[in-house]
């Protein structure tokens, strides 16, 4: 229902954009957060079960914000190079630079909620055996990919975004935008791969269940 509401709002053409965006975001967040009840997060009971469920919801929402922002930033920079005006470069830089604080919060939430989920699903006693199991191998691959996407995000923040700002002075917009496009495209590809790994992990019994 929430997903249907988000889709309807997105294409409704309502003339109050701030209200429309707020309602669409809220409906999409409810739809995304509800996925926690279809996975391992809903398998436990009592206080542990609630902690796992809340961590799962936070993990889903934080990842959704990151991937949604990544898509929006990529679309912003996909404009043909011939039409890249100074105003568009300024807007792109402000958007990229403005996501810094939100991005840092999102990364922190993903890491903390991921650690909680891993502690519950894997358990300290099973850490040494992780590389010998399919679940563990997928989890390790996911963590390596996540480290890669963090590296790209850091490069965007500290190297490529400042280069985009500098292009306003030197006039070489095309080079700066092309570098950001490549980085965001690679970041998007890694994000999609991580989602595929997460989907596969959701089909496997976690080590803490005693299946390994």
N, C-alpha and C. Protein backbone atom coordinates (compact mmCIF):
# COMPACT_ATOMS: atom_id res chain seq x y z
N UNK A 1 0.81 -1.20 0.00
CA UNK A 1 0.00 0.00 0.00
C UNK A 1 0.86 1.27 0.00
N UNK A 2 1.89 1.28 0.85
CA UNK A 2 2.77 2.45 0.91
C UNK A 2 3.51 2.66 -0.40
N UNK A 3 3.94 1.55 -1.03
CA UNK A 3 4.63 1.65 -2.31
C UNK A 3 3.69 2.18 -3.39
N UNK A 4 2.45 1.72 -3.38
CA UNK A 4 1.45 2.22 -4.33
C UNK A 4 1.22 3.72 -4.11
N UNK A 5 1.13 4.12 -2.84
CA UNK A 5 0.92 5.53 -2.52
C UNK A 5 2.10 6.38 -3.00
N UNK A 6 3.32 5.88 -2.81
CA UNK A 6 4.51 6.61 -3.26
C UNK A 6 4.52 6.77 -4.77
N UNK A 7 4.17 5.69 -5.49
CA UNK A 7 4.13 5.74 -6.95
C UNK A 7 3.05 6.70 -7.43
N UNK A 8 1.88 6.65 -6.80
CA UNK A 8 0.78 7.54 -7.20
C UNK A 8 1.16 9.00 -6.96
N UNK A 9 1.76 9.28 -5.81
CA UNK A 9 2.17 10.65 -5.50
C UNK A 9 3.23 11.14 -6.47
N UNK A 10 4.17 10.27 -6.82
CA UNK A 10 5.27 10.66 -7.70
C UNK A 10 4.78 11.09 -9.07
N UNK A 11 3.68 10.49 -9.53
CA UNK A 11 3.17 10.80 -10.87
C UNK A 11 1.87 11.59 -10.84
N UNK A 12 1.50 12.12 -9.67
CA UNK A 12 0.22 12.82 -9.54
C UNK A 12 0.24 14.22 -10.13
N UNK A 13 1.43 14.83 -10.21
CA UNK A 13 1.50 16.19 -10.74
C UNK A 13 0.94 17.24 -9.79
N UNK A 14 0.90 16.92 -8.51
CA UNK A 14 0.40 17.85 -7.50
C UNK A 14 1.21 19.14 -7.55
N UNK A 15 0.55 20.28 -7.43
CA UNK A 15 1.22 21.57 -7.64
C UNK A 15 1.84 22.16 -6.38
N UNK A 16 1.96 21.39 -5.34
CA UNK A 16 2.65 21.84 -4.13
C UNK A 16 3.88 20.95 -3.95
N UNK A 17 4.98 21.30 -4.63
CA UNK A 17 6.13 20.39 -4.71
C UNK A 17 6.72 20.00 -3.36
N UNK A 18 6.77 20.93 -2.41
CA UNK A 18 7.37 20.60 -1.11
C UNK A 18 6.53 19.56 -0.38
N UNK A 19 5.23 19.77 -0.37
CA UNK A 19 4.32 18.81 0.28
C UNK A 19 4.35 17.48 -0.46
N UNK A 20 4.35 17.55 -1.79
CA UNK A 20 4.37 16.33 -2.61
C UNK A 20 5.64 15.52 -2.35
N UNK A 21 6.78 16.20 -2.32
CA UNK A 21 8.04 15.51 -2.09
C UNK A 21 8.08 14.91 -0.69
N UNK A 22 7.57 15.63 0.30
CA UNK A 22 7.56 15.13 1.68
C UNK A 22 6.70 13.87 1.80
N UNK A 23 5.50 13.92 1.22
CA UNK A 23 4.59 12.77 1.30
C UNK A 23 5.14 11.57 0.52
N UNK A 24 5.71 11.83 -0.64
CA UNK A 24 6.27 10.75 -1.46
C UNK A 24 7.44 10.08 -0.73
N UNK A 25 8.30 10.91 -0.14
CA UNK A 25 9.44 10.37 0.61
C UNK A 25 8.98 9.54 1.80
N UNK A 26 7.97 10.05 2.52
CA UNK A 26 7.46 9.33 3.69
C UNK A 26 6.86 7.98 3.29
N UNK A 27 6.07 7.98 2.22
CA UNK A 27 5.46 6.73 1.75
C UNK A 27 6.52 5.74 1.28
N UNK A 28 7.54 6.24 0.56
CA UNK A 28 8.61 5.37 0.09
C UNK A 28 9.41 4.80 1.27
N UNK A 29 9.61 5.63 2.30
CA UNK A 29 10.36 5.16 3.48
C UNK A 29 9.60 4.06 4.20
N UNK A 30 8.28 4.20 4.30
CA UNK A 30 7.46 3.16 4.94
C UNK A 30 7.55 1.86 4.13
N UNK A 31 7.46 2.00 2.80
CA UNK A 31 7.53 0.81 1.94
C UNK A 31 8.89 0.12 2.07
N UNK A 32 9.96 0.92 2.08
CA UNK A 32 11.31 0.34 2.19
C UNK A 32 11.53 -0.28 3.57
N UNK A 33 11.14 0.43 4.61
CA UNK A 33 11.32 -0.09 5.96
C UNK A 33 10.54 -1.37 6.22
N UNK A 34 9.40 -1.52 5.55
CA UNK A 34 8.59 -2.72 5.75
C UNK A 34 9.27 -3.99 5.26
N UNK A 35 10.31 -3.83 4.41
CA UNK A 35 11.03 -5.02 3.93
C UNK A 35 11.75 -5.74 5.07
N UNK A 36 11.97 -5.04 6.17
CA UNK A 36 12.65 -5.68 7.31
C UNK A 36 11.86 -6.87 7.84
N UNK A 37 10.54 -6.84 7.67
CA UNK A 37 9.70 -7.93 8.17
C UNK A 37 9.74 -9.16 7.26
N UNK A 38 10.37 -9.04 6.10
CA UNK A 38 10.43 -10.18 5.17
C UNK A 38 11.78 -10.90 5.23
N UNK A 39 12.71 -10.39 6.03
CA UNK A 39 14.04 -10.97 6.09
C UNK A 39 14.40 -11.50 7.45
N UNK A 40 15.71 -11.61 7.69
CA UNK A 40 16.19 -12.15 8.95
C UNK A 40 15.87 -11.26 10.15
N UNK A 41 15.60 -9.98 9.88
CA UNK A 41 15.33 -9.06 10.97
C UNK A 41 14.09 -9.38 11.77
N UNK A 42 13.18 -10.14 11.19
CA UNK A 42 11.94 -10.49 11.88
C UNK A 42 11.97 -11.90 12.46
N UNK A 43 13.14 -12.54 12.44
CA UNK A 43 13.22 -13.94 12.86
C UNK A 43 13.41 -14.12 14.36
N UNK A 44 13.90 -13.07 15.04
CA UNK A 44 14.17 -13.18 16.47
C UNK A 44 12.99 -12.67 17.29
N UNK A 45 13.00 -13.03 18.56
CA UNK A 45 11.91 -12.63 19.46
C UNK A 45 12.47 -11.84 20.64
N UNK A 46 11.58 -11.19 21.37
CA UNK A 46 11.96 -10.46 22.57
C UNK A 46 12.78 -9.22 22.26
N UNK A 47 13.58 -8.79 23.25
CA UNK A 47 14.38 -7.58 23.11
C UNK A 47 15.38 -7.69 21.97
N UNK A 48 15.98 -8.89 21.81
CA UNK A 48 16.93 -9.11 20.73
C UNK A 48 16.24 -8.94 19.38
N UNK A 49 15.03 -9.47 19.29
CA UNK A 49 14.28 -9.37 18.05
C UNK A 49 13.98 -7.93 17.69
N UNK A 50 13.58 -7.11 18.68
CA UNK A 50 13.29 -5.71 18.43
C UNK A 50 14.55 -4.95 18.03
N UNK A 51 15.67 -5.24 18.69
CA UNK A 51 16.94 -4.59 18.35
C UNK A 51 17.34 -4.92 16.92
N UNK A 52 17.18 -6.19 16.55
CA UNK A 52 17.51 -6.61 15.19
C UNK A 52 16.60 -5.95 14.17
N UNK A 53 15.31 -5.89 14.47
CA UNK A 53 14.35 -5.31 13.54
C UNK A 53 14.62 -3.82 13.34
N UNK A 54 14.86 -3.11 14.44
CA UNK A 54 15.13 -1.67 14.34
C UNK A 54 16.42 -1.42 13.55
N UNK A 55 17.45 -2.22 13.83
CA UNK A 55 18.72 -2.07 13.11
C UNK A 55 18.53 -2.34 11.62
N UNK A 56 17.71 -3.33 11.31
CA UNK A 56 17.44 -3.68 9.92
C UNK A 56 16.71 -2.53 9.21
N UNK A 57 15.74 -1.94 9.88
CA UNK A 57 14.99 -0.82 9.29
C UNK A 57 15.92 0.36 9.04
N UNK A 58 16.76 0.68 10.03
CA UNK A 58 17.70 1.79 9.87
C UNK A 58 18.67 1.50 8.72
N UNK A 59 19.13 0.27 8.63
CA UNK A 59 20.06 -0.13 7.56
C UNK A 59 19.40 0.06 6.19
N UNK A 60 18.16 -0.38 6.08
CA UNK A 60 17.43 -0.25 4.82
C UNK A 60 17.22 1.21 4.43
N UNK A 61 16.80 2.03 5.39
CA UNK A 61 16.51 3.43 5.10
C UNK A 61 17.79 4.19 4.75
N UNK A 62 18.86 3.94 5.50
CA UNK A 62 20.12 4.62 5.22
C UNK A 62 20.65 4.24 3.84
N UNK A 63 20.58 2.95 3.52
CA UNK A 63 21.03 2.50 2.20
C UNK A 63 20.15 3.11 1.10
N UNK A 64 18.85 3.21 1.37
CA UNK A 64 17.93 3.81 0.41
C UNK A 64 18.26 5.26 0.14
N UNK A 65 18.59 6.01 1.20
CA UNK A 65 18.98 7.42 1.03
C UNK A 65 20.24 7.52 0.18
N UNK A 66 21.23 6.68 0.48
CA UNK A 66 22.49 6.73 -0.26
C UNK A 66 22.28 6.41 -1.74
N UNK A 67 21.58 5.32 -2.02
CA UNK A 67 21.39 4.91 -3.41
C UNK A 67 20.49 5.90 -4.15
N UNK A 68 19.47 6.43 -3.45
CA UNK A 68 18.62 7.43 -4.07
C UNK A 68 19.38 8.70 -4.41
N UNK A 69 20.24 9.13 -3.49
CA UNK A 69 21.06 10.32 -3.74
C UNK A 69 22.04 10.07 -4.87
N UNK A 70 22.59 8.86 -4.90
CA UNK A 70 23.53 8.50 -5.96
C UNK A 70 22.86 8.57 -7.33
N UNK A 71 21.63 8.09 -7.41
CA UNK A 71 20.88 8.15 -8.67
C UNK A 71 20.60 9.60 -9.06
N UNK A 72 20.19 10.42 -8.08
CA UNK A 72 19.87 11.81 -8.35
C UNK A 72 21.11 12.58 -8.82
N UNK A 73 22.25 12.34 -8.17
CA UNK A 73 23.49 13.02 -8.55
C UNK A 73 23.94 12.60 -9.94
N UNK A 74 23.79 11.31 -10.24
CA UNK A 74 24.17 10.82 -11.57
C UNK A 74 23.31 11.47 -12.65
N UNK A 75 22.01 11.55 -12.40
CA UNK A 75 21.10 12.17 -13.37
C UNK A 75 21.43 13.66 -13.55
N UNK A 76 21.83 14.31 -12.45
CA UNK A 76 22.17 15.73 -12.52
C UNK A 76 23.37 15.97 -13.43
N UNK A 77 24.30 15.01 -13.45
CA UNK A 77 25.53 15.19 -14.23
C UNK A 77 25.47 14.53 -15.60
N UNK A 78 24.33 13.92 -15.94
CA UNK A 78 24.21 13.27 -17.24
C UNK A 78 23.83 14.24 -18.35
N UNK A 79 23.68 15.49 -18.00
CA UNK A 79 23.33 16.50 -19.00
C UNK A 79 24.43 16.54 -20.07
N UNK A 80 24.07 16.65 -21.36
CA UNK A 80 25.08 16.71 -22.42
C UNK A 80 26.11 17.80 -22.16
N UNK A 81 27.36 17.50 -22.42
CA UNK A 81 28.45 18.43 -22.13
C UNK A 81 28.26 19.78 -22.81
N UNK A 82 27.66 19.77 -24.00
CA UNK A 82 27.48 21.02 -24.74
C UNK A 82 26.51 21.97 -24.04
N UNK A 83 25.68 21.44 -23.16
CA UNK A 83 24.67 22.28 -22.48
C UNK A 83 25.05 22.58 -21.04
N UNK A 84 26.29 22.26 -20.65
CA UNK A 84 26.72 22.50 -19.28
C UNK A 84 27.09 23.97 -19.11
N UNK A 85 26.17 24.75 -18.61
CA UNK A 85 26.43 26.16 -18.36
C UNK A 85 27.05 26.35 -16.99
N UNK A 86 27.54 27.56 -16.73
CA UNK A 86 28.13 27.86 -15.43
C UNK A 86 27.09 27.69 -14.33
N UNK A 87 25.85 28.06 -14.60
CA UNK A 87 24.78 27.93 -13.59
C UNK A 87 24.55 26.47 -13.23
N UNK A 88 24.59 25.60 -14.23
CA UNK A 88 24.38 24.18 -13.96
C UNK A 88 25.56 23.60 -13.18
N UNK A 89 26.76 24.04 -13.48
CA UNK A 89 27.93 23.59 -12.74
C UNK A 89 27.84 24.03 -11.29
N UNK A 90 27.41 25.27 -11.07
CA UNK A 90 27.25 25.78 -9.70
C UNK A 90 26.20 24.96 -8.95
N UNK A 91 25.08 24.67 -9.62
CA UNK A 91 24.03 23.87 -9.00
C UNK A 91 24.55 22.47 -8.68
N UNK A 92 25.28 21.87 -9.60
CA UNK A 92 25.81 20.53 -9.39
C UNK A 92 26.79 20.51 -8.21
N UNK A 93 27.64 21.51 -8.15
CA UNK A 93 28.61 21.58 -7.06
C UNK A 93 27.91 21.76 -5.72
N UNK A 94 26.92 22.65 -5.67
CA UNK A 94 26.19 22.87 -4.42
C UNK A 94 25.49 21.60 -3.96
N UNK A 95 24.95 20.85 -4.92
CA UNK A 95 24.24 19.61 -4.58
C UNK A 95 25.22 18.57 -4.04
N UNK A 96 26.33 18.41 -4.74
CA UNK A 96 27.34 17.45 -4.30
C UNK A 96 27.93 17.83 -2.94
N UNK A 97 28.25 19.10 -2.80
CA UNK A 97 28.84 19.57 -1.55
C UNK A 97 27.83 19.53 -0.41
N UNK A 98 26.56 19.80 -0.73
CA UNK A 98 25.52 19.81 0.29
C UNK A 98 25.18 18.44 0.84
N UNK A 99 25.50 17.40 0.07
CA UNK A 99 25.21 16.04 0.52
C UNK A 99 26.24 15.52 1.51
N UNK A 100 27.29 16.30 1.73
CA UNK A 100 28.39 15.86 2.60
C UNK A 100 27.92 15.47 3.98
N UNK A 101 27.20 16.38 4.65
CA UNK A 101 26.75 16.12 6.02
C UNK A 101 25.79 14.95 6.07
N UNK A 102 24.83 14.95 5.14
CA UNK A 102 23.85 13.86 5.09
C UNK A 102 24.55 12.54 4.78
N UNK A 103 25.50 12.58 3.85
CA UNK A 103 26.23 11.37 3.48
C UNK A 103 27.02 10.80 4.64
N UNK A 104 27.64 11.67 5.44
CA UNK A 104 28.39 11.20 6.60
C UNK A 104 27.47 10.51 7.61
N UNK A 105 26.29 11.10 7.83
CA UNK A 105 25.31 10.50 8.75
C UNK A 105 24.84 9.15 8.22
N UNK A 106 24.57 9.10 6.93
CA UNK A 106 24.10 7.86 6.30
C UNK A 106 25.15 6.75 6.44
N UNK A 107 26.40 7.08 6.17
CA UNK A 107 27.48 6.10 6.30
C UNK A 107 27.58 5.59 7.73
N UNK A 108 27.50 6.52 8.69
CA UNK A 108 27.56 6.13 10.10
C UNK A 108 26.43 5.18 10.48
N UNK A 109 25.21 5.48 10.00
CA UNK A 109 24.06 4.62 10.31
C UNK A 109 24.20 3.25 9.66
N UNK A 110 24.70 3.22 8.44
CA UNK A 110 24.90 1.93 7.75
C UNK A 110 25.92 1.08 8.51
N UNK A 111 27.01 1.69 8.94
CA UNK A 111 28.06 0.94 9.64
C UNK A 111 27.55 0.42 10.98
N UNK A 112 26.92 1.30 11.77
CA UNK A 112 26.45 0.88 13.11
C UNK A 112 25.37 -0.18 13.00
N UNK A 113 24.38 0.04 12.15
CA UNK A 113 23.30 -0.94 12.01
C UNK A 113 23.82 -2.24 11.40
N UNK A 114 24.81 -2.14 10.50
CA UNK A 114 25.39 -3.34 9.92
C UNK A 114 26.15 -4.16 10.95
N UNK A 115 26.85 -3.47 11.86
CA UNK A 115 27.57 -4.18 12.92
C UNK A 115 26.60 -4.90 13.86
N UNK A 116 25.49 -4.24 14.17
CA UNK A 116 24.48 -4.87 15.03
C UNK A 116 23.89 -6.10 14.34
N UNK A 117 23.54 -5.96 13.08
CA UNK A 117 22.98 -7.09 12.34
C UNK A 117 23.97 -8.25 12.25
N UNK A 118 25.24 -7.92 11.98
CA UNK A 118 26.26 -8.97 11.86
C UNK A 118 26.49 -9.67 13.19
N UNK A 119 26.47 -8.91 14.28
CA UNK A 119 26.66 -9.50 15.60
C UNK A 119 25.56 -10.52 15.90
N UNK A 120 24.33 -10.17 15.49
CA UNK A 120 23.19 -11.04 15.76
C UNK A 120 23.16 -12.23 14.79
N UNK A 121 23.41 -11.97 13.52
CA UNK A 121 23.29 -13.03 12.51
C UNK A 121 24.50 -13.96 12.46
N UNK A 122 25.68 -13.41 12.73
CA UNK A 122 26.89 -14.22 12.65
C UNK A 122 27.31 -14.73 14.02
N UNK A 123 27.44 -13.81 14.97
CA UNK A 123 27.88 -14.20 16.31
C UNK A 123 29.38 -14.29 16.39
N UNK A 124 30.00 -13.85 17.48
CA UNK A 124 31.46 -13.87 17.62
C UNK A 124 32.07 -15.25 17.45
N UNK A 125 31.35 -16.28 17.88
CA UNK A 125 31.91 -17.63 17.82
C UNK A 125 32.07 -18.14 16.39
N UNK A 126 31.34 -17.53 15.44
CA UNK A 126 31.36 -18.02 14.07
C UNK A 126 32.25 -17.19 13.14
N UNK A 127 32.91 -16.16 13.68
CA UNK A 127 33.71 -15.28 12.83
C UNK A 127 34.82 -16.03 12.11
N UNK A 128 35.52 -16.90 12.80
CA UNK A 128 36.66 -17.60 12.21
C UNK A 128 36.24 -18.51 11.06
N UNK A 129 35.00 -19.01 11.11
CA UNK A 129 34.53 -19.95 10.08
C UNK A 129 33.91 -19.25 8.88
N UNK A 130 33.78 -17.94 8.92
CA UNK A 130 33.10 -17.22 7.84
C UNK A 130 33.69 -17.49 6.46
N UNK A 131 35.01 -17.46 6.29
CA UNK A 131 35.56 -17.66 4.94
C UNK A 131 35.28 -19.05 4.36
N UNK A 132 34.85 -19.99 5.17
CA UNK A 132 34.63 -21.36 4.70
C UNK A 132 33.19 -21.62 4.31
N UNK A 133 32.32 -20.63 4.46
CA UNK A 133 30.91 -20.80 4.14
C UNK A 133 30.48 -19.85 3.04
N UNK A 134 29.45 -20.21 2.31
CA UNK A 134 28.93 -19.35 1.26
C UNK A 134 28.40 -18.04 1.85
N UNK A 135 27.70 -18.15 2.98
CA UNK A 135 27.19 -16.94 3.64
C UNK A 135 28.35 -16.01 4.00
N UNK A 136 29.39 -16.58 4.60
CA UNK A 136 30.53 -15.78 5.00
C UNK A 136 31.26 -15.16 3.82
N UNK A 137 31.41 -15.92 2.75
CA UNK A 137 32.09 -15.41 1.56
C UNK A 137 31.32 -14.25 0.94
N UNK A 138 29.99 -14.38 0.89
CA UNK A 138 29.17 -13.29 0.36
C UNK A 138 29.24 -12.07 1.26
N UNK A 139 29.23 -12.30 2.57
CA UNK A 139 29.31 -11.19 3.51
C UNK A 139 30.65 -10.47 3.39
N UNK A 140 31.72 -11.22 3.27
CA UNK A 140 33.05 -10.62 3.12
C UNK A 140 33.12 -9.84 1.81
N UNK A 141 32.57 -10.41 0.73
CA UNK A 141 32.55 -9.72 -0.56
C UNK A 141 31.75 -8.42 -0.46
N UNK A 142 30.64 -8.47 0.26
CA UNK A 142 29.83 -7.27 0.46
C UNK A 142 30.62 -6.19 1.19
N UNK A 143 31.36 -6.59 2.22
CA UNK A 143 32.15 -5.63 2.99
C UNK A 143 33.27 -5.02 2.15
N UNK A 144 33.90 -5.84 1.31
CA UNK A 144 34.95 -5.34 0.42
C UNK A 144 34.37 -4.33 -0.57
N UNK A 145 33.21 -4.66 -1.13
CA UNK A 145 32.54 -3.75 -2.05
C UNK A 145 32.14 -2.45 -1.35
N UNK A 146 31.68 -2.58 -0.11
CA UNK A 146 31.29 -1.39 0.65
C UNK A 146 32.51 -0.51 0.91
N UNK A 147 33.64 -1.12 1.21
CA UNK A 147 34.87 -0.34 1.39
C UNK A 147 35.24 0.39 0.09
N UNK A 148 35.03 -0.29 -1.04
CA UNK A 148 35.30 0.34 -2.32
C UNK A 148 34.41 1.53 -2.59
N UNK A 149 33.13 1.39 -2.26
CA UNK A 149 32.19 2.49 -2.49
C UNK A 149 32.48 3.65 -1.56
N UNK A 150 32.98 3.35 -0.35
CA UNK A 150 33.39 4.41 0.57
C UNK A 150 34.59 5.17 0.01
N UNK A 151 35.52 4.43 -0.59
CA UNK A 151 36.68 5.07 -1.19
C UNK A 151 36.29 6.00 -2.33
N UNK A 152 35.34 5.56 -3.16
CA UNK A 152 34.87 6.40 -4.26
C UNK A 152 34.15 7.63 -3.73
N UNK A 153 33.34 7.44 -2.69
CA UNK A 153 32.62 8.57 -2.11
C UNK A 153 33.61 9.60 -1.55
N UNK A 154 34.67 9.11 -0.90
CA UNK A 154 35.69 10.01 -0.36
C UNK A 154 36.40 10.76 -1.49
N UNK A 155 36.67 10.05 -2.58
CA UNK A 155 37.31 10.69 -3.74
C UNK A 155 36.41 11.78 -4.31
N UNK A 156 35.12 11.48 -4.40
CA UNK A 156 34.17 12.48 -4.90
C UNK A 156 34.18 13.72 -4.02
N UNK A 157 34.19 13.48 -2.70
CA UNK A 157 34.09 14.58 -1.75
C UNK A 157 35.35 15.45 -1.71
N UNK A 158 36.50 14.81 -1.67
CA UNK A 158 37.73 15.56 -1.41
C UNK A 158 38.55 15.88 -2.66
N UNK A 159 38.24 15.23 -3.78
CA UNK A 159 39.03 15.49 -4.98
C UNK A 159 38.19 15.96 -6.17
N UNK A 160 37.16 15.18 -6.51
CA UNK A 160 36.41 15.48 -7.73
C UNK A 160 35.44 16.66 -7.58
N UNK A 161 34.78 16.76 -6.42
CA UNK A 161 33.87 17.89 -6.22
C UNK A 161 34.63 19.22 -6.16
N UNK A 162 35.77 19.31 -5.44
CA UNK A 162 36.56 20.54 -5.51
C UNK A 162 37.05 20.85 -6.93
N UNK A 163 37.37 19.80 -7.71
CA UNK A 163 37.80 20.01 -9.09
C UNK A 163 36.67 20.59 -9.93
N UNK A 164 35.44 20.18 -9.63
CA UNK A 164 34.29 20.74 -10.34
C UNK A 164 34.15 22.23 -10.03
N UNK A 165 34.36 22.58 -8.77
CA UNK A 165 34.29 24.00 -8.39
C UNK A 165 35.41 24.78 -9.07
N UNK A 166 36.59 24.19 -9.13
CA UNK A 166 37.72 24.88 -9.76
C UNK A 166 37.50 25.08 -11.25
N UNK A 167 36.68 24.21 -11.86
CA UNK A 167 36.43 24.35 -13.30
C UNK A 167 35.66 25.62 -13.63
N UNK A 168 35.02 26.21 -12.61
CA UNK A 168 34.33 27.48 -12.84
C UNK A 168 35.33 28.58 -13.16
N UNK A 169 36.56 28.43 -12.65
CA UNK A 169 37.58 29.43 -12.91
C UNK A 169 38.39 29.12 -14.16
N UNK A 170 38.70 27.82 -14.36
CA UNK A 170 39.54 27.50 -15.52
C UNK A 170 38.74 27.16 -16.78
N UNK A 171 37.43 27.02 -16.64
CA UNK A 171 36.56 26.80 -17.79
C UNK A 171 36.55 25.39 -18.33
N UNK A 172 37.29 24.46 -17.70
CA UNK A 172 37.35 23.08 -18.19
C UNK A 172 36.27 22.24 -17.51
N UNK A 173 35.00 22.57 -17.81
CA UNK A 173 33.89 21.85 -17.18
C UNK A 173 33.84 20.39 -17.62
N UNK A 174 34.11 20.15 -18.90
CA UNK A 174 33.93 18.81 -19.46
C UNK A 174 34.80 17.78 -18.74
N UNK A 175 36.06 18.11 -18.46
CA UNK A 175 36.96 17.17 -17.81
C UNK A 175 36.50 16.85 -16.39
N UNK A 176 36.12 17.89 -15.64
CA UNK A 176 35.67 17.70 -14.26
C UNK A 176 34.39 16.89 -14.20
N UNK A 177 33.44 17.19 -15.09
CA UNK A 177 32.17 16.47 -15.11
C UNK A 177 32.37 15.02 -15.54
N UNK A 178 33.23 14.80 -16.53
CA UNK A 178 33.49 13.44 -17.01
C UNK A 178 34.08 12.57 -15.89
N UNK A 179 34.97 13.15 -15.10
CA UNK A 179 35.57 12.40 -13.99
C UNK A 179 34.51 12.03 -12.95
N UNK A 180 33.63 12.96 -12.65
CA UNK A 180 32.55 12.68 -11.70
C UNK A 180 31.58 11.65 -12.25
N UNK A 181 31.29 11.74 -13.53
CA UNK A 181 30.39 10.76 -14.15
C UNK A 181 30.97 9.35 -14.03
N UNK A 182 32.25 9.20 -14.32
CA UNK A 182 32.89 7.87 -14.23
C UNK A 182 32.84 7.35 -12.80
N UNK A 183 33.14 8.22 -11.86
CA UNK A 183 33.15 7.81 -10.45
C UNK A 183 31.76 7.41 -9.99
N UNK A 184 30.75 8.23 -10.34
CA UNK A 184 29.38 7.93 -9.93
C UNK A 184 28.85 6.68 -10.62
N UNK A 185 29.25 6.46 -11.88
CA UNK A 185 28.82 5.26 -12.59
C UNK A 185 29.40 4.01 -11.93
N UNK A 186 30.69 4.08 -11.54
CA UNK A 186 31.32 2.94 -10.87
C UNK A 186 30.70 2.73 -9.49
N UNK A 187 30.43 3.83 -8.79
CA UNK A 187 29.78 3.73 -7.48
C UNK A 187 28.40 3.09 -7.61
N UNK A 188 27.67 3.46 -8.66
CA UNK A 188 26.34 2.88 -8.89
C UNK A 188 26.43 1.39 -9.19
N UNK A 189 27.41 1.01 -10.00
CA UNK A 189 27.59 -0.41 -10.34
C UNK A 189 27.91 -1.23 -9.09
N UNK A 190 28.76 -0.67 -8.22
CA UNK A 190 29.09 -1.37 -6.98
C UNK A 190 27.87 -1.48 -6.09
N UNK A 191 27.08 -0.39 -6.02
CA UNK A 191 25.87 -0.40 -5.20
C UNK A 191 24.90 -1.48 -5.67
N UNK A 192 24.74 -1.62 -6.97
CA UNK A 192 23.85 -2.65 -7.52
C UNK A 192 24.38 -4.04 -7.18
N UNK A 193 25.69 -4.22 -7.25
CA UNK A 193 26.30 -5.50 -6.91
C UNK A 193 26.08 -5.83 -5.43
N UNK A 194 26.20 -4.81 -4.58
CA UNK A 194 25.95 -5.01 -3.15
C UNK A 194 24.50 -5.42 -2.91
N UNK A 195 23.57 -4.79 -3.61
CA UNK A 195 22.16 -5.16 -3.47
C UNK A 195 21.93 -6.60 -3.88
N UNK A 196 22.62 -7.04 -4.95
CA UNK A 196 22.49 -8.43 -5.39
C UNK A 196 23.03 -9.37 -4.32
N UNK A 197 24.16 -9.01 -3.70
CA UNK A 197 24.74 -9.83 -2.64
C UNK A 197 23.81 -9.89 -1.43
N UNK A 198 23.20 -8.77 -1.10
CA UNK A 198 22.26 -8.72 0.03
C UNK A 198 21.05 -9.62 -0.24
N UNK A 199 20.55 -9.56 -1.48
CA UNK A 199 19.40 -10.40 -1.84
C UNK A 199 19.76 -11.88 -1.71
N UNK A 200 20.96 -12.24 -2.12
CA UNK A 200 21.42 -13.64 -2.02
C UNK A 200 21.59 -14.03 -0.55
N UNK A 201 22.18 -13.13 0.24
CA UNK A 201 22.35 -13.42 1.67
C UNK A 201 21.01 -13.65 2.36
N UNK A 202 19.98 -12.94 1.90
CA UNK A 202 18.66 -13.09 2.50
C UNK A 202 18.05 -14.46 2.29
N UNK A 203 18.58 -15.20 1.31
CA UNK A 203 18.06 -16.54 1.03
C UNK A 203 18.81 -17.63 1.80
N UNK A 204 19.91 -17.24 2.45
CA UNK A 204 20.75 -18.22 3.14
C UNK A 204 20.54 -18.16 4.64
N UNK A 205 20.74 -19.28 5.29
CA UNK A 205 20.65 -19.32 6.74
C UNK A 205 21.90 -18.70 7.35
N UNK A 206 21.75 -17.74 8.27
CA UNK A 206 22.92 -17.09 8.87
C UNK A 206 23.65 -18.04 9.81
N UNK A 207 24.96 -17.82 10.04
CA UNK A 207 25.74 -18.70 10.92
C UNK A 207 25.16 -18.86 12.33
N UNK A 208 24.59 -17.79 12.87
CA UNK A 208 24.06 -17.86 14.23
C UNK A 208 22.88 -18.81 14.36
N UNK A 209 22.31 -19.20 13.22
CA UNK A 209 21.18 -20.13 13.26
C UNK A 209 21.65 -21.56 13.49
N UNK A 210 22.99 -21.77 13.41
CA UNK A 210 23.52 -23.11 13.60
C UNK A 210 23.61 -23.91 12.33
N UNK A 211 23.44 -23.21 11.17
CA UNK A 211 23.44 -23.93 9.89
C UNK A 211 24.83 -24.22 9.37
N UNK A 212 25.88 -23.59 9.96
CA UNK A 212 27.20 -23.86 9.42
C UNK A 212 27.91 -24.91 10.26
